[in-house]
N, C-alpha and C. Protein backbone atom coordinates (compact mmCIF):
# COMPACT_ATOMS: atom_id res chain seq x y z
N MET A 1 14.01 51.19 3.54
CA MET A 1 13.82 50.29 2.99
C MET A 1 14.35 50.16 1.58
N LYS A 2 15.15 49.49 0.79
CA LYS A 2 15.26 49.40 -0.52
C LYS A 2 14.71 48.37 -1.40
N LYS A 3 13.86 48.29 -2.08
CA LYS A 3 12.87 46.72 -2.67
C LYS A 3 14.43 46.52 -3.54
N LYS A 4 14.44 45.34 -3.45
CA LYS A 4 15.33 44.07 -4.32
C LYS A 4 14.68 44.45 -5.65
N LYS A 5 15.87 44.10 -6.61
CA LYS A 5 14.99 44.04 -8.01
C LYS A 5 15.24 42.74 -8.28
N ILE A 6 14.26 42.32 -8.77
CA ILE A 6 14.34 40.18 -9.30
C ILE A 6 14.71 40.52 -10.45
N ARG A 7 15.82 39.60 -10.76
CA ARG A 7 16.42 39.14 -11.72
C ARG A 7 16.04 37.39 -12.30
N LEU A 8 15.16 37.73 -13.51
CA LEU A 8 15.20 36.30 -14.00
C LEU A 8 16.50 35.55 -14.47
N ARG A 9 16.37 34.26 -13.96
CA ARG A 9 17.49 33.39 -14.65
C ARG A 9 16.95 32.60 -15.16
N TRP A 10 17.00 33.57 -16.86
CA TRP A 10 16.37 32.69 -18.07
C TRP A 10 16.64 30.96 -18.20
N ASP A 11 18.42 30.44 -17.61
CA ASP A 11 18.38 29.02 -17.53
C ASP A 11 17.73 28.23 -16.55
N ASN A 12 17.21 29.24 -15.25
CA ASN A 12 16.59 28.47 -14.39
C ASN A 12 15.12 27.74 -14.91
N ILE A 13 14.54 29.51 -15.72
CA ILE A 13 13.11 29.11 -15.89
C ILE A 13 13.40 27.98 -17.28
N PHE A 14 14.06 28.07 -18.15
CA PHE A 14 14.45 27.47 -19.21
C PHE A 14 14.12 25.79 -18.39
N LYS A 15 14.91 25.40 -17.62
CA LYS A 15 15.18 23.53 -16.69
C LYS A 15 13.71 23.76 -16.51
N ASP A 16 13.10 24.50 -15.63
CA ASP A 16 12.04 24.21 -15.07
C ASP A 16 10.80 23.90 -16.01
N ILE A 17 10.86 24.73 -17.15
CA ILE A 17 10.02 24.57 -18.43
C ILE A 17 9.72 23.23 -19.30
N VAL A 18 11.40 22.74 -19.07
CA VAL A 18 11.69 21.40 -19.36
C VAL A 18 11.26 20.48 -18.70
N GLY A 19 11.54 20.37 -17.32
CA GLY A 19 11.08 19.06 -16.44
C GLY A 19 9.46 19.36 -16.44
N ILE A 20 8.73 20.37 -16.71
CA ILE A 20 7.38 20.04 -16.79
C ILE A 20 6.74 19.64 -17.74
N LEU A 21 7.71 19.85 -19.02
CA LEU A 21 7.28 19.40 -20.15
C LEU A 21 7.58 17.52 -20.21
N VAL A 22 8.65 17.27 -19.59
CA VAL A 22 9.39 15.93 -19.61
C VAL A 22 8.31 15.11 -18.70
N ILE A 23 7.96 15.41 -17.73
CA ILE A 23 6.17 15.05 -16.62
C ILE A 23 5.13 14.99 -17.41
N VAL A 24 4.82 15.83 -18.02
CA VAL A 24 3.98 16.08 -19.30
C VAL A 24 3.53 14.73 -20.24
N VAL A 25 4.91 14.60 -20.79
CA VAL A 25 4.97 13.71 -21.56
C VAL A 25 5.49 12.37 -21.43
N VAL A 26 5.60 12.17 -19.76
CA VAL A 26 5.48 10.77 -19.35
C VAL A 26 4.27 10.65 -19.14
N LEU A 27 3.19 11.42 -18.83
CA LEU A 27 2.37 11.27 -18.03
C LEU A 27 1.06 10.50 -19.36
N TRP A 28 1.35 11.46 -20.36
CA TRP A 28 0.75 11.38 -21.47
C TRP A 28 0.96 9.92 -22.08
N ALA A 29 2.13 9.44 -22.30
CA ALA A 29 2.75 8.13 -22.48
C ALA A 29 2.31 7.20 -21.96
N VAL A 30 2.23 7.45 -20.74
CA VAL A 30 1.65 6.15 -19.77
C VAL A 30 0.03 5.94 -19.99
N TYR A 31 -0.81 7.14 -20.12
CA TYR A 31 -1.95 6.95 -20.14
C TYR A 31 -2.61 6.68 -21.76
N ALA A 32 -1.66 6.92 -22.77
CA ALA A 32 -1.73 6.19 -23.98
C ALA A 32 -1.44 5.40 -24.09
N THR A 33 -0.68 4.33 -23.47
CA THR A 33 -0.42 2.89 -23.48
C THR A 33 -1.22 2.25 -22.45
N SER A 34 -1.78 3.02 -21.88
CA SER A 34 -2.79 2.15 -20.80
C SER A 34 -4.01 1.32 -21.57
N GLU A 35 -4.08 0.28 -20.85
CA GLU A 35 -5.80 -0.05 -21.64
C GLU A 35 -6.79 0.19 -20.76
N PRO A 36 -7.56 0.46 -21.29
CA PRO A 36 -9.11 -0.08 -20.12
C PRO A 36 -9.38 -1.42 -19.72
N ILE A 37 -9.44 -1.27 -18.56
CA ILE A 37 -9.75 -2.38 -17.72
C ILE A 37 -11.47 -3.35 -17.93
N ASP A 38 -11.56 -3.97 -18.57
CA ASP A 38 -13.03 -4.59 -18.77
C ASP A 38 -13.59 -5.07 -17.19
N GLU A 39 -15.07 -4.69 -17.23
CA GLU A 39 -15.36 -4.86 -15.47
C GLU A 39 -15.59 -6.64 -15.12
N SER A 40 -15.26 -7.63 -16.12
CA SER A 40 -15.01 -8.72 -15.30
C SER A 40 -13.20 -9.10 -14.97
N LYS A 41 -12.46 -8.33 -15.29
CA LYS A 41 -11.03 -8.09 -14.94
C LYS A 41 -11.33 -7.20 -13.27
N ALA A 42 -11.98 -6.30 -13.31
CA ALA A 42 -12.44 -5.42 -12.29
C ALA A 42 -12.75 -6.50 -10.92
N ASN A 43 -13.96 -7.12 -11.45
CA ASN A 43 -14.65 -7.67 -10.34
C ASN A 43 -13.62 -8.77 -10.16
N ASN A 44 -12.61 -9.38 -10.90
CA ASN A 44 -11.87 -10.66 -10.53
C ASN A 44 -10.82 -10.05 -9.43
N LEU A 45 -10.53 -8.42 -9.80
CA LEU A 45 -9.36 -7.70 -8.63
C LEU A 45 -9.99 -7.31 -7.20
N ILE A 46 -10.99 -7.41 -7.00
CA ILE A 46 -12.15 -7.17 -6.21
C ILE A 46 -12.19 -7.91 -5.39
N GLU A 47 -12.76 -9.29 -5.89
CA GLU A 47 -12.75 -10.43 -5.26
C GLU A 47 -11.53 -11.01 -4.71
N LYS A 48 -10.47 -10.90 -5.36
CA LYS A 48 -8.95 -11.27 -4.72
C LYS A 48 -8.44 -10.46 -3.61
N GLY A 49 -9.31 -9.24 -3.53
CA GLY A 49 -8.91 -8.21 -2.41
C GLY A 49 -7.94 -7.29 -2.96
N VAL A 50 -6.91 -7.19 -4.20
CA VAL A 50 -6.01 -6.66 -4.73
C VAL A 50 -6.27 -4.72 -4.60
N VAL A 51 -7.71 -5.03 -5.00
CA VAL A 51 -8.93 -3.81 -4.92
C VAL A 51 -9.60 -3.41 -4.13
N GLU A 52 -9.29 -2.57 -3.38
CA GLU A 52 -10.68 -2.15 -2.54
C GLU A 52 -12.06 -1.33 -3.15
N VAL A 53 -12.84 -1.67 -3.00
CA VAL A 53 -14.09 -0.67 -3.38
C VAL A 53 -14.48 0.00 -2.02
N PHE A 54 -15.10 1.60 -2.20
CA PHE A 54 -15.33 1.67 -0.85
C PHE A 54 -16.62 2.58 -1.83
N THR A 55 -17.74 2.31 -1.02
CA THR A 55 -19.02 2.67 -1.47
C THR A 55 -19.25 4.04 -0.54
N ARG A 56 -19.25 4.87 -1.33
CA ARG A 56 -19.94 6.15 -0.68
C ARG A 56 -21.29 6.62 -0.77
N THR A 57 -21.72 6.95 0.34
CA THR A 57 -23.35 7.33 -0.07
C THR A 57 -22.93 9.32 0.60
N ASP A 58 -24.86 9.56 0.86
CA ASP A 58 -24.41 10.86 1.39
C ASP A 58 -24.11 10.89 3.18
N ASP A 59 -24.30 9.55 3.39
CA ASP A 59 -24.06 9.98 5.06
C ASP A 59 -22.24 9.35 5.60
N PRO A 60 -21.46 10.11 5.20
CA PRO A 60 -20.38 10.07 5.81
C PRO A 60 -20.15 8.81 6.91
N VAL A 61 -20.96 8.90 7.93
CA VAL A 61 -20.51 8.71 9.32
C VAL A 61 -21.71 7.16 8.90
N ALA A 62 -22.28 6.90 8.56
CA ALA A 62 -22.65 5.56 8.01
C ALA A 62 -22.09 5.07 7.16
N ASP A 63 -21.45 5.52 6.01
CA ASP A 63 -19.91 5.12 5.93
C ASP A 63 -18.72 4.38 5.89
N PHE A 64 -18.59 5.40 6.89
CA PHE A 64 -17.34 4.60 7.93
C PHE A 64 -17.82 3.53 8.60
N HIS A 65 -19.08 3.63 8.96
CA HIS A 65 -19.49 2.29 9.84
C HIS A 65 -19.25 1.58 9.19
N ARG A 66 -20.03 1.29 8.13
CA ARG A 66 -20.20 0.30 7.31
C ARG A 66 -18.70 -0.29 6.95
N ASP A 67 -17.91 0.44 6.42
CA ASP A 67 -16.21 -0.12 6.27
C ASP A 67 -15.78 -0.57 7.30
N ASP A 68 -16.03 0.16 8.42
CA ASP A 68 -15.36 -0.51 10.25
C ASP A 68 -15.86 -1.97 10.22
N ALA A 69 -17.05 -2.24 9.65
CA ALA A 69 -17.79 -3.29 10.18
C ALA A 69 -17.26 -4.39 9.15
N GLU A 70 -17.18 -3.93 7.98
CA GLU A 70 -16.57 -5.25 6.56
C GLU A 70 -14.90 -5.23 7.27
N LYS A 71 -14.28 -4.07 7.73
CA LYS A 71 -12.68 -4.40 8.07
C LYS A 71 -12.76 -5.55 9.29
N THR A 72 -13.47 -5.08 10.08
CA THR A 72 -13.61 -6.02 11.14
C THR A 72 -13.79 -7.64 10.83
N GLU A 73 -15.20 -7.64 10.28
CA GLU A 73 -15.19 -9.14 9.48
C GLU A 73 -14.30 -9.75 9.18
N ALA A 74 -13.56 -8.93 8.12
CA ALA A 74 -12.62 -9.58 7.46
C ALA A 74 -11.17 -10.01 8.24
N LEU A 75 -11.23 -9.16 9.36
CA LEU A 75 -10.26 -9.45 9.95
C LEU A 75 -10.23 -10.43 10.68
N LYS A 76 -11.32 -10.66 11.04
CA LYS A 76 -12.10 -11.59 11.97
C LYS A 76 -11.88 -13.73 10.93
N LYS A 77 -11.62 -13.19 9.88
CA LYS A 77 -11.63 -14.73 8.84
C LYS A 77 -9.77 -15.18 9.15
N LEU A 78 -9.19 -13.80 9.14
CA LEU A 78 -7.84 -14.05 9.03
C LEU A 78 -7.16 -15.18 9.93
N PRO A 79 -6.21 -16.04 9.93
CA PRO A 79 -5.65 -16.17 11.09
C PRO A 79 -4.66 -15.63 12.09
N LYS A 80 -4.73 -16.32 13.26
CA LYS A 80 -3.99 -15.42 14.40
C LYS A 80 -3.00 -16.09 14.60
N CYS A 81 -2.08 -15.12 15.56
CA CYS A 81 -0.58 -15.26 15.72
C CYS A 81 -0.65 -16.11 17.12
N SER A 82 0.22 -16.74 16.86
CA SER A 82 -0.25 -17.84 18.53
C SER A 82 0.80 -17.38 19.53
N TYR A 83 1.29 -16.39 19.35
CA TYR A 83 2.30 -15.57 20.50
C TYR A 83 1.37 -14.26 20.69
N CYS A 84 0.72 -13.74 19.91
CA CYS A 84 0.10 -12.63 20.69
C CYS A 84 -1.13 -12.75 20.43
N ASP A 85 -1.71 -13.46 19.68
CA ASP A 85 -3.02 -13.76 19.32
C ASP A 85 -3.81 -12.56 18.23
N GLU A 86 -3.00 -11.52 17.62
CA GLU A 86 -3.57 -10.91 16.93
C GLU A 86 -3.66 -11.28 15.30
N PRO A 87 -4.63 -11.40 13.99
CA PRO A 87 -4.40 -11.59 13.41
C PRO A 87 -3.44 -11.04 12.31
N ILE A 88 -2.93 -11.87 11.78
CA ILE A 88 -1.72 -11.97 10.91
C ILE A 88 -2.13 -11.47 9.30
N GLN A 89 -1.76 -10.28 9.25
CA GLN A 89 -2.28 -9.56 7.96
C GLN A 89 -1.21 -9.06 6.93
N ASP A 90 -0.28 -10.13 7.23
CA ASP A 90 0.98 -10.14 6.01
C ASP A 90 0.33 -10.73 4.92
N SER A 91 1.42 -10.95 3.93
CA SER A 91 0.71 -12.14 2.57
C SER A 91 1.70 -13.25 2.84
N TYR A 92 2.32 -13.60 4.29
CA TYR A 92 2.63 -14.77 4.23
C TYR A 92 2.62 -14.85 6.03
N LEU A 93 3.03 -16.39 6.28
CA LEU A 93 2.82 -16.33 7.98
C LEU A 93 3.69 -17.26 8.09
N PHE A 94 4.43 -17.75 9.38
CA PHE A 94 5.03 -18.79 9.97
C PHE A 94 4.53 -20.12 10.29
N ASP A 95 4.61 -21.17 9.48
CA ASP A 95 4.08 -22.43 10.30
C ASP A 95 5.25 -23.21 10.65
N ILE A 96 5.11 -23.22 12.05
CA ILE A 96 6.17 -23.93 12.65
C ILE A 96 5.60 -25.41 13.62
N GLU A 97 5.98 -26.19 13.19
CA GLU A 97 5.09 -27.61 13.69
C GLU A 97 3.63 -27.40 13.76
N GLY A 98 2.73 -26.59 13.13
CA GLY A 98 1.60 -26.53 13.12
C GLY A 98 0.82 -25.41 14.01
N THR A 99 2.04 -24.40 14.42
CA THR A 99 1.91 -23.34 15.17
C THR A 99 2.07 -22.19 13.96
N LEU A 100 1.20 -21.74 13.97
CA LEU A 100 1.03 -20.40 13.37
C LEU A 100 1.54 -18.85 14.21
N TYR A 101 3.07 -18.21 13.38
CA TYR A 101 3.19 -17.04 13.66
C TYR A 101 3.54 -16.22 13.03
N CYS A 102 3.03 -14.94 13.30
CA CYS A 102 3.54 -13.51 12.64
C CYS A 102 4.96 -13.38 12.01
N GLU A 103 5.55 -12.34 11.14
CA GLU A 103 6.73 -12.50 11.22
C GLU A 103 7.63 -12.05 12.33
N GLU A 104 7.03 -11.23 13.07
CA GLU A 104 7.92 -10.57 13.90
C GLU A 104 7.81 -11.59 15.20
N HIS A 105 6.94 -12.05 15.65
CA HIS A 105 7.57 -13.15 16.77
C HIS A 105 7.99 -14.25 16.36
N ALA A 106 7.82 -14.84 14.82
CA ALA A 106 8.41 -15.83 14.84
C ALA A 106 9.91 -15.73 14.82
N LYS A 107 10.56 -14.03 14.21
CA LYS A 107 11.86 -13.95 14.54
C LYS A 107 12.07 -13.81 15.35
N GLU A 108 11.43 -13.24 16.59
CA GLU A 108 11.62 -13.04 17.86
C GLU A 108 12.14 -14.51 18.59
N LEU A 109 11.40 -15.62 17.80
CA LEU A 109 11.22 -16.73 19.19
C LEU A 109 12.22 -17.46 18.41
N PHE A 110 12.36 -17.80 17.15
CA PHE A 110 13.13 -18.89 16.63
C PHE A 110 14.31 -18.12 15.51
N GLN A 111 14.29 -16.52 15.33
CA GLN A 111 15.64 -16.64 14.49
C GLN A 111 17.03 -16.69 15.37
N LYS A 112 17.77 -16.96 14.97
CA LYS A 112 19.08 -17.18 15.80
C LYS A 112 20.53 -16.77 14.68
N ARG A 113 21.35 -16.51 15.32
CA ARG A 113 22.41 -16.18 14.86
C ARG A 113 23.64 -17.30 14.92
N VAL A 114 24.04 -17.49 13.29
CA VAL A 114 24.91 -18.32 12.96
C VAL A 114 25.96 -18.71 13.68
N GLU A 115 26.67 -17.26 13.87
CA GLU A 115 27.79 -17.39 15.06
C GLU A 115 27.63 -17.88 16.60
N ASP A 116 26.29 -17.91 16.98
CA ASP A 116 26.43 -18.76 18.17
C ASP A 116 26.28 -20.70 17.58
N TYR A 117 26.16 -20.88 16.47
CA TYR A 117 26.41 -22.31 16.23
C TYR A 117 27.62 -22.78 16.06
N ILE A 118 28.66 -21.96 15.59
CA ILE A 118 29.38 -22.54 15.24
C ILE A 118 30.97 -22.74 16.30
N TYR A 119 31.42 -23.73 16.33
CA TYR A 119 32.20 -24.09 17.48
C TYR A 119 33.67 -24.02 17.54
């Protein structure tokens, strides 16, 4: 069995190095221009639900159960779709004459094709 000689293609190596340098420069630029967030802004984002905080302890099973209980409680607060009775987890819902629907069922029940109404 003959051993293959490996030839280095300097143009490919050069392109790879340039690509890595571009990534490093972009990451550095993003890091250098980003402002550190103060505690009040962070708390505001947490309260709005934009940022989720997961507290970890030495007991991962207890962490999971606590996180699961918190998410279950949060789901109980959400409005439910009148058709499937599931919590609506999207950022919007469909309120049709006082009856709430998730996007999937609102489209399924109420979306019509314009062609069907052309005489």
